[in-house]
Protein backbone atom coordinates (compact mmCIF):
# COMPACT_ATOMS: atom_id res chain seq x y z
CA MET A 1 -31.07 34.12 6.13
CA SER A 2 -28.52 34.64 9.22
CA GLN A 3 -26.39 32.62 10.49
CA SER A 4 -23.81 33.04 13.56
CA PRO A 5 -20.00 33.74 14.12
CA GLY A 6 -19.07 30.13 14.51
CA SER A 7 -21.87 28.82 11.53
CA LEU A 8 -19.76 26.86 8.99
CA ASP A 9 -22.56 27.13 6.64
CA GLY A 10 -20.95 28.57 2.97
CA ASN A 11 -17.90 29.85 5.16
CA PRO A 12 -14.85 27.66 2.64
CA ALA A 13 -12.05 29.22 4.92
CA LEU A 14 -13.74 27.67 8.34
CA LEU A 15 -14.64 24.08 6.69
CA ALA A 16 -11.05 23.91 5.66
CA ARG A 17 -9.46 24.32 9.06
CA GLN A 18 -11.83 21.74 10.43
CA PRO A 19 -10.10 18.68 11.25
CA MET A 20 -11.41 15.44 9.60
CA LYS A 21 -12.31 13.02 10.80
CA ARG A 22 -10.83 9.24 10.41
CA GLN A 23 -12.78 6.29 9.77
CA ARG A 24 -11.66 3.56 12.20
CA SER A 25 -12.53 0.38 10.63
CA LYS A 26 -13.90 -2.57 13.10
CA PRO A 27 -11.47 -4.26 15.24
CA HIS A 28 -9.54 -7.48 13.97
CA SER A 29 -9.73 -10.79 16.53
CA PHE A 30 -6.96 -12.16 17.32
CA GLU A 31 -7.95 -15.55 15.05
CA ASP A 32 -8.57 -13.46 12.22
CA ARG A 33 -4.78 -12.06 12.12
CA LEU A 34 -3.76 -15.17 12.94
CA ALA A 35 -6.19 -16.52 9.83
CA ALA A 36 -4.69 -13.81 7.75
CA GLU A 37 -1.05 -14.15 8.24
CA ARG A 38 -1.37 -17.75 8.24
CA LYS A 39 -3.34 -17.67 4.66
CA ARG A 40 -0.65 -14.61 3.44
CA LEU A 41 2.39 -17.38 4.42
CA GLU A 42 0.77 -20.47 3.11
CA GLU A 43 0.33 -18.42 -0.95
CA LYS A 44 3.82 -16.80 -0.21
CA ALA A 45 5.46 -20.80 0.68
CA ALA A 46 3.54 -21.97 -2.45
CA LEU A 47 5.18 -20.09 -4.64
CA LEU A 48 8.78 -20.70 -3.27
CA ARG A 49 10.93 -24.25 -4.06
CA ASP A 50 12.21 -26.43 -1.61
CA GLY A 51 15.02 -24.52 0.66
CA LYS A 52 15.43 -22.10 3.63
CA GLU A 53 12.91 -19.40 3.33
CA ARG A 54 10.13 -21.90 2.97
CA GLU A 55 11.00 -24.03 5.66
CA ALA A 56 11.18 -20.74 7.33
CA LEU A 57 7.68 -20.03 6.15
CA LEU A 58 6.45 -23.29 7.00
CA SER A 59 8.01 -22.95 10.19
CA LYS A 60 6.16 -19.71 10.88
CA ILE A 61 3.31 -20.95 9.77
CA ALA A 62 3.42 -23.84 12.56
CA GLN A 63 3.94 -21.53 14.91
CA ILE A 64 0.32 -19.41 13.99
CA ASP A 65 -1.01 -23.09 14.47
CA THR A 66 0.68 -23.64 18.06
CA ALA A 67 -0.72 -19.69 19.20
CA ASN A 68 -4.41 -20.62 17.66
CA HIS A 69 -4.29 -23.95 19.39
CA LEU A 70 -3.42 -22.59 22.48
CA ASN A 71 -5.62 -19.99 22.51
CA GLU A 72 -8.66 -22.08 21.88
CA LEU A 73 -7.61 -24.24 25.21
CA LEU A 74 -7.90 -20.66 27.09
CA ARG A 75 -10.84 -19.67 25.86
CA SER A 76 -12.36 -22.77 26.48
CA PRO A 77 -15.05 -23.64 29.23
CA ARG A 78 -12.65 -25.23 31.21
CA ALA A 79 -9.91 -23.02 31.03
CA ARG A 80 -11.95 -20.47 32.76
CA ALA A 81 -13.38 -22.68 35.09
CA ALA A 82 -9.79 -24.00 36.50
CA ASP A 83 -9.18 -19.25 36.84
CA GLN A 84 -12.09 -19.53 39.02
CA ASP A 85 -11.26 -22.03 41.75
CA PRO A 86 -9.57 -21.70 44.58
CA PRO A 87 -6.34 -23.23 44.71
CA ARG A 88 -6.14 -26.68 45.83
CA ARG A 89 -3.86 -27.67 48.92
């Protein structure tokens, strides 16, 4: 069986020069990233005693909750309808 000059079959030198294709994971949604960060911070806060560091983590958790709530509001059908309505005078 003859091989074409550009064939990779059986030629380790050509195989070694081929770039590896990266396996990309599915992109995570904004909500997924917020939930993962919230969980991580909660777990970290649970290990800490009351103090400044724990309070800072709880504050970040509250910020994540606010971001999640705002995201839900902006994705709601009512918010989308408001974007499509002409401005009232």
